Amino acid sequence: MSTLTLNYHRYTDRSWHTSTAQLLRLLTIWYQRSRQRHQLAQLTDRQLSDIGVNLSEALAESEKPFWQA
């Protein structure tokens, strides 16, 4: 005879809060990354030179999707 075991996870208020906090943190990171890449794409050659980045590096970084580090 075989037995069937059912598992379930009971979510507590704390686990829900943690998951929500992690999601908000991830969304914040994605937003910041998107904004920074947009700003990087707007810099002039002179400004890029000042921060030690060439145009091809800036373009490569600014074209990455926001979810990619």
PDB file of N, CA and C in Angstrom:
ATOM      1  N   MET A   1       0.849  -1.175   0.000  1.00  0.00           N
ATOM      2  CA  MET A   1       0.000   0.000   0.000  1.00  0.00           C
ATOM      3  C   MET A   1       0.896   1.239   0.000  1.00  0.00           C
ATOM      4  N   SER A   2       0.535   2.244  -0.806  1.00  0.00           N
ATOM      5  CA  SER A   2       1.314   3.474  -0.854  1.00  0.00           C
ATOM      6  C   SER A   2       0.618   4.553  -0.026  1.00  0.00           C
ATOM      7  N   THR A   3       1.403   5.508   0.387  1.00  0.00           N
ATOM      8  CA  THR A   3       0.841   6.616   1.159  1.00  0.00           C
ATOM      9  C   THR A   3       1.042   7.906   0.389  1.00  0.00           C
ATOM     10  N   LEU A   4       0.165   8.807   0.597  1.00  0.00           N
ATOM     11  CA  LEU A   4       0.224  10.110  -0.040  1.00  0.00           C
ATOM     12  C   LEU A   4       0.489  11.144   1.037  1.00  0.00           C
ATOM     13  N   THR A   5       1.511  11.931   0.835  1.00  0.00           N
ATOM     14  CA  THR A   5       1.842  12.966   1.799  1.00  0.00           C
ATOM     15  C   THR A   5       1.593  14.316   1.154  1.00  0.00           C
ATOM     16  N   LEU A   6       0.833  15.142   1.813  1.00  0.00           N
ATOM     17  CA  LEU A   6       0.556  16.483   1.324  1.00  0.00           C
ATOM     18  C   LEU A   6       1.334  17.489   2.160  1.00  0.00           C
ATOM     19  N   ASN A   7       1.992  18.360   1.481  1.00  0.00           N
ATOM     20  CA  ASN A   7       2.733  19.418   2.165  1.00  0.00           C
ATOM     21  C   ASN A   7       2.143  20.755   1.777  1.00  0.00           C
ATOM     22  N   TYR A   8       2.079  21.634   2.719  1.00  0.00           N
ATOM     23  CA  TYR A   8       1.676  22.993   2.410  1.00  0.00           C
ATOM     24  C   TYR A   8       2.432  23.926   3.323  1.00  0.00           C
ATOM     25  N   HIS A   9       2.565  25.129   2.871  1.00  0.00           N
ATOM     26  CA  HIS A   9       3.275  26.135   3.653  1.00  0.00           C
ATOM     27  C   HIS A   9       2.258  27.155   4.128  1.00  0.00           C
ATOM     28  N   ARG A  10       2.174  27.312   5.393  1.00  0.00           N
ATOM     29  CA  ARG A  10       1.263  28.303   5.946  1.00  0.00           C
ATOM     30  C   ARG A  10       2.002  29.626   6.037  1.00  0.00           C
ATOM     31  N   TYR A  11       1.507  30.597   5.309  1.00  0.00           N
ATOM     32  CA  TYR A  11       2.144  31.899   5.295  1.00  0.00           C
ATOM     33  C   TYR A  11       1.747  32.684   6.531  1.00  0.00           C
ATOM     34  N   THR A  12       2.742  33.165   7.197  1.00  0.00           N
ATOM     35  CA  THR A  12       2.490  34.001   8.357  1.00  0.00           C
ATOM     36  C   THR A  12       2.575  35.460   7.939  1.00  0.00           C
ATOM     37  N   ASP A  13       2.129  36.327   8.788  1.00  0.00           N
ATOM     38  CA  ASP A  13       2.225  37.754   8.493  1.00  0.00           C
ATOM     39  C   ASP A  13       3.664  38.153   8.236  1.00  0.00           C
ATOM     40  N   ARG A  14       4.576  37.584   8.963  1.00  0.00           N
ATOM     41  CA  ARG A  14       5.986  37.926   8.821  1.00  0.00           C
ATOM     42  C   ARG A  14       6.533  37.495   7.462  1.00  0.00           C
ATOM     43  N   SER A  15       6.198  36.279   7.004  1.00  0.00           N
ATOM     44  CA  SER A  15       6.720  35.822   5.711  1.00  0.00           C
ATOM     45  C   SER A  15       6.138  36.659   4.571  1.00  0.00           C
ATOM     46  N   TRP A  16       4.883  37.060   4.690  1.00  0.00           N
ATOM     47  CA  TRP A  16       4.274  37.916   3.673  1.00  0.00           C
ATOM     48  C   TRP A  16       4.968  39.266   3.643  1.00  0.00           C
ATOM     49  N   HIS A  17       5.259  39.804   4.819  1.00  0.00           N
ATOM     50  CA  HIS A  17       5.940  41.094   4.912  1.00  0.00           C
ATOM     51  C   HIS A  17       7.335  41.013   4.297  1.00  0.00           C
ATOM     52  N   THR A  18       8.047  39.934   4.576  1.00  0.00           N
ATOM     53  CA  THR A  18       9.391  39.749   4.027  1.00  0.00           C
ATOM     54  C   THR A  18       9.343  39.670   2.503  1.00  0.00           C
ATOM     55  N   SER A  19       8.407  38.904   1.978  1.00  0.00           N
ATOM     56  CA  SER A  19       8.285  38.774   0.529  1.00  0.00           C
ATOM     57  C   SER A  19       7.949  40.118  -0.123  1.00  0.00           C
ATOM     58  N   THR A  20       7.067  40.866   0.496  1.00  0.00           N
ATOM     59  CA  THR A  20       6.701  42.175  -0.027  1.00  0.00           C
ATOM     60  C   THR A  20       7.886  43.121   0.022  1.00  0.00           C
ATOM     61  N   ALA A  21       8.630  43.097   1.109  1.00  0.00           N
ATOM     62  CA  ALA A  21       9.806  43.957   1.248  1.00  0.00           C
ATOM     63  C   ALA A  21      10.848  43.605   0.189  1.00  0.00           C
ATOM     64  N   GLN A  22      11.038  42.318  -0.072  1.00  0.00           N
ATOM     65  CA  GLN A  22      12.006  41.894  -1.084  1.00  0.00           C
ATOM     66  C   GLN A  22      11.564  42.339  -2.474  1.00  0.00           C
ATOM     67  N   LEU A  23      10.277  42.246  -2.756  1.00  0.00           N
ATOM     68  CA  LEU A  23       9.757  42.682  -4.045  1.00  0.00           C
ATOM     69  C   LEU A  23       9.934  44.190  -4.218  1.00  0.00           C
ATOM     70  N   LEU A  24       9.622  44.951  -3.187  1.00  0.00           N
ATOM     71  CA  LEU A  24       9.800  46.398  -3.260  1.00  0.00           C
ATOM     72  C   LEU A  24      11.262  46.769  -3.455  1.00  0.00           C
ATOM     73  N   ARG A  25      12.153  46.057  -2.799  1.00  0.00           N
ATOM     74  CA  ARG A  25      13.589  46.311  -2.956  1.00  0.00           C
ATOM     75  C   ARG A  25      14.020  46.035  -4.390  1.00  0.00           C
ATOM     76  N   LEU A  26      13.554  44.929  -4.953  1.00  0.00           N
ATOM     77  CA  LEU A  26      13.900  44.586  -6.329  1.00  0.00           C
ATOM     78  C   LEU A  26      13.367  45.628  -7.308  1.00  0.00           C
ATOM     79  N   LEU A  27      12.126  46.053  -7.119  1.00  0.00           N
ATOM     80  CA  LEU A  27      11.555  47.078  -7.994  1.00  0.00           C
ATOM     81  C   LEU A  27      12.323  48.392  -7.886  1.00  0.00           C
ATOM     82  N   THR A  28      12.767  48.728  -6.685  1.00  0.00           N
ATOM     83  CA  THR A  28      13.560  49.943  -6.486  1.00  0.00           C
ATOM     84  C   THR A  28      14.894  49.845  -7.216  1.00  0.00           C
ATOM     85  N   ILE A  29      15.537  48.706  -7.122  1.00  0.00           N
ATOM     86  CA  ILE A  29      16.815  48.492  -7.814  1.00  0.00           C
ATOM     87  C   ILE A  29      16.619  48.618  -9.317  1.00  0.00           C
ATOM     88  N   TRP A  30      15.569  47.990  -9.831  1.00  0.00           N
ATOM     89  CA  TRP A  30      15.305  48.054 -11.269  1.00  0.00           C
ATOM     90  C   TRP A  30      15.036  49.480 -11.723  1.00  0.00           C
ATOM     91  N   TYR A  31      14.278  50.234 -10.939  1.00  0.00           N
ATOM     92  CA  TYR A  31      13.976  51.620 -11.288  1.00  0.00           C
ATOM     93  C   TYR A  31      15.251  52.464 -11.301  1.00  0.00           C
ATOM     94  N   GLN A  32      16.079  52.308 -10.261  1.00  0.00           N
ATOM     95  CA  GLN A  32      17.325  53.071 -10.179  1.00  0.00           C
ATOM     96  C   GLN A  32      18.250  52.724 -11.340  1.00  0.00           C
ATOM     97  N   ARG A  33      18.348  51.447 -11.632  1.00  0.00           N
ATOM     98  CA  ARG A  33      19.212  51.000 -12.728  1.00  0.00           C
ATOM     99  C   ARG A  33      18.744  51.574 -14.056  1.00  0.00           C
ATOM    100  N   SER A  34      17.458  51.562 -14.298  1.00  0.00           N
ATOM    101  CA  SER A  34      16.901  52.114 -15.532  1.00  0.00           C
ATOM    102  C   SER A  34      17.179  53.610 -15.631  1.00  0.00           C
ATOM    103  N   ARG A  35      16.962  54.324 -14.538  1.00  0.00           N
ATOM    104  CA  ARG A  35      17.182  55.768 -14.523  1.00  0.00           C
ATOM    105  C   ARG A  35      18.656  56.111 -14.744  1.00  0.00           C
ATOM    106  N   GLN A  36      19.557  55.374 -14.095  1.00  0.00           N
ATOM    107  CA  GLN A  36      20.986  55.624 -14.243  1.00  0.00           C
ATOM    108  C   GLN A  36      21.452  55.356 -15.662  1.00  0.00           C
ATOM    109  N   ARG A  37      20.930  54.310 -16.271  1.00  0.00           N
ATOM    110  CA  ARG A  37      21.323  54.001 -17.645  1.00  0.00           C
ATOM    111  C   ARG A  37      20.799  55.047 -18.619  1.00  0.00           C
ATOM    112  N   HIS A  38      19.619  55.548 -18.359  1.00  0.00           N
ATOM    113  CA  HIS A  38      19.084  56.621 -19.190  1.00  0.00           C
ATOM    114  C   HIS A  38      19.958  57.872 -19.057  1.00  0.00           C
ATOM    115  N   GLN A  39      20.345  58.202 -17.845  1.00  0.00           N
ATOM    116  CA  GLN A  39      21.201  59.370 -17.619  1.00  0.00           C
ATOM    117  C   GLN A  39      22.569  59.179 -18.265  1.00  0.00           C
ATOM    118  N   LEU A  40      23.107  57.984 -18.185  1.00  0.00           N
ATOM    119  CA  LEU A  40      24.399  57.686 -18.806  1.00  0.00           C
ATOM    120  C   LEU A  40      24.331  57.917 -20.313  1.00  0.00           C
ATOM    121  N   ALA A  41      23.233  57.520 -20.917  1.00  0.00           N
ATOM    122  CA  ALA A  41      23.071  57.693 -22.361  1.00  0.00           C
ATOM    123  C   ALA A  41      22.987  59.165 -22.761  1.00  0.00           C
ATOM    124  N   GLN A  42      22.640  60.044 -21.834  1.00  0.00           N
ATOM    125  CA  GLN A  42      22.493  61.469 -22.126  1.00  0.00           C
ATOM    126  C   GLN A  42      23.793  62.261 -21.965  1.00  0.00           C
ATOM    127  N   LEU A  43      24.837  61.640 -21.415  1.00  0.00           N
ATOM    128  CA  LEU A  43      26.088  62.360 -21.166  1.00  0.00           C
ATOM    129  C   LEU A  43      26.823  62.674 -22.462  1.00  0.00           C
ATOM    130  N   THR A  44      27.527  63.783 -22.446  1.00  0.00           N
ATOM    131  CA  THR A  44      28.350  64.183 -23.595  1.00  0.00           C
ATOM    132  C   THR A  44      29.678  63.436 -23.555  1.00  0.00           C
ATOM    133  N   ASP A  45      30.421  63.507 -24.663  1.00  0.00           N
ATOM    134  CA  ASP A  45      31.747  62.884 -24.708  1.00  0.00           C
ATOM    135  C   ASP A  45      32.650  63.434 -23.601  1.00  0.00           C
ATOM    136  N   ARG A  46      32.565  64.708 -23.362  1.00  0.00           N
ATOM    137  CA  ARG A  46      33.380  65.359 -22.336  1.00  0.00           C
ATOM    138  C   ARG A  46      33.027  64.805 -20.941  1.00  0.00           C
ATOM    139  N   GLN A  47      31.745  64.685 -20.661  1.00  0.00           N
ATOM    140  CA  GLN A  47      31.308  64.168 -19.371  1.00  0.00           C
ATOM    141  C   GLN A  47      31.703  62.700 -19.203  1.00  0.00           C
ATOM    142  N   LEU A  48      31.598  61.936 -20.269  1.00  0.00           N
ATOM    143  CA  LEU A  48      32.023  60.538 -20.211  1.00  0.00           C
ATOM    144  C   LEU A  48      33.515  60.444 -19.940  1.00  0.00           C
ATOM    145  N   SER A  49      34.283  61.300 -20.585  1.00  0.00           N
ATOM    146  CA  SER A  49      35.716  61.334 -20.366  1.00  0.00           C
ATOM    147  C   SER A  49      36.043  61.659 -18.909  1.00  0.00           C
ATOM    148  N   ASP A  50      35.275  62.571 -18.332  1.00  0.00           N
ATOM    149  CA  ASP A  50      35.494  62.957 -16.937  1.00  0.00           C
ATOM    150  C   ASP A  50      35.299  61.789 -15.971  1.00  0.00           C
ATOM    151  N   ILE A  51      34.393  60.883 -16.303  1.00  0.00           N
ATOM    152  CA  ILE A  51      34.155  59.740 -15.411  1.00  0.00           C
ATOM    153  C   ILE A  51      34.920  58.493 -15.849  1.00  0.00           C
ATOM    154  N   GLY A  52      35.724  58.627 -16.902  1.00  0.00           N
ATOM    155  CA  GLY A  52      36.578  57.528 -17.334  1.00  0.00           C
ATOM    156  C   GLY A  52      35.865  56.445 -18.119  1.00  0.00           C
ATOM    157  N   VAL A  53      34.836  56.829 -18.849  1.00  0.00           N
ATOM    158  CA  VAL A  53      34.065  55.874 -19.648  1.00  0.00           C
ATOM    159  C   VAL A  53      34.074  56.357 -21.092  1.00  0.00           C
ATOM    160  N   ASN A  54      34.316  55.435 -22.037  1.00  0.00           N
ATOM    161  CA  ASN A  54      34.255  55.857 -23.432  1.00  0.00           C
ATOM    162  C   ASN A  54      32.844  55.654 -23.980  1.00  0.00           C
ATOM    163  N   LEU A  55      32.604  56.189 -25.149  1.00  0.00           N
ATOM    164  CA  LEU A  55      31.262  56.179 -25.726  1.00  0.00           C
ATOM    165  C   LEU A  55      30.742  54.760 -25.945  1.00  0.00           C
ATOM    166  N   SER A  56      31.572  53.871 -26.428  1.00  0.00           N
ATOM    167  CA  SER A  56      31.107  52.498 -26.683  1.00  0.00           C
ATOM    168  C   SER A  56      30.727  51.776 -25.391  1.00  0.00           C
ATOM    169  N   GLU A  57      31.478  52.012 -24.320  1.00  0.00           N
ATOM    170  CA  GLU A  57      31.133  51.418 -23.018  1.00  0.00           C
ATOM    171  C   GLU A  57      29.811  51.977 -22.500  1.00  0.00           C
ATOM    172  N   ALA A  58      29.641  53.278 -22.652  1.00  0.00           N
ATOM    173  CA  ALA A  58      28.407  53.926 -22.194  1.00  0.00           C
ATOM    174  C   ALA A  58      27.204  53.405 -22.970  1.00  0.00           C
ATOM    175  N   LEU A  59      27.356  53.266 -24.269  1.00  0.00           N
ATOM    176  CA  LEU A  59      26.253  52.758 -25.079  1.00  0.00           C
ATOM    177  C   LEU A  59      25.925  51.309 -24.739  1.00  0.00           C
ATOM    178  N   ALA A  60      26.960  50.503 -24.559  1.00  0.00           N
ATOM    179  CA  ALA A  60      26.738  49.097 -24.206  1.00  0.00           C
ATOM    180  C   ALA A  60      25.987  48.989 -22.872  1.00  0.00           C
ATOM    181  N   GLU A  61      26.369  49.797 -21.907  1.00  0.00           N
ATOM    182  CA  GLU A  61      25.705  49.766 -20.593  1.00  0.00           C
ATOM    183  C   GLU A  61      24.289  50.313 -20.679  1.00  0.00           C
ATOM    184  N   SER A  62      24.105  51.390 -21.393  1.00  0.00           N
ATOM    185  CA  SER A  62      22.784  52.019 -21.451  1.00  0.00           C
ATOM    186  C   SER A  62      21.768  51.193 -22.233  1.00  0.00           C
ATOM    187  N   GLU A  63      22.229  50.301 -23.098  1.00  0.00           N
ATOM    188  CA  GLU A  63      21.324  49.461 -23.879  1.00  0.00           C
ATOM    189  C   GLU A  63      20.906  48.187 -23.163  1.00  0.00           C
ATOM    190  N   LYS A  64      21.493  47.894 -22.013  1.00  0.00           N
ATOM    191  CA  LYS A  64      21.108  46.707 -21.249  1.00  0.00           C
ATOM    192  C   LYS A  64      19.698  46.891 -20.700  1.00  0.00           C
ATOM    193  N   PRO A  65      18.935  45.806 -20.627  1.00  0.00           N
ATOM    194  CA  PRO A  65      17.622  45.901 -19.985  1.00  0.00           C
ATOM    195  C   PRO A  65      17.771  46.131 -18.481  1.00  0.00           C
ATOM    196  N   PHE A  66      16.773  46.757 -17.879  1.00  0.00           N
ATOM    197  CA  PHE A  66      16.871  47.139 -16.468  1.00  0.00           C
ATOM    198  C   PHE A  66      17.037  45.955 -15.528  1.00  0.00           C
ATOM    199  N   TRP A  67      16.607  44.779 -15.912  1.00  0.00           N
ATOM    200  CA  TRP A  67      16.713  43.638 -15.021  1.00  0.00           C
ATOM    201  C   TRP A  67      18.084  42.973 -15.084  1.00  0.00           C
ATOM    202  N   GLN A  68      18.910  43.377 -16.020  1.00  0.00           N
ATOM    203  CA  GLN A  68      20.229  42.780 -16.165  1.00  0.00           C
ATOM    204  C   GLN A  68      21.269  43.634 -15.440  1.00  0.00           C
ATOM    205  N   ALA A  69      22.044  42.994 -14.582  1.00  0.00           N
ATOM    206  CA  ALA A  69      23.065  43.712 -13.808  1.00  0.00           C
ATOM    207  C   ALA A  69      24.274  43.999 -14.670  1.00  0.00           C
TER     208      ALA A  69
END
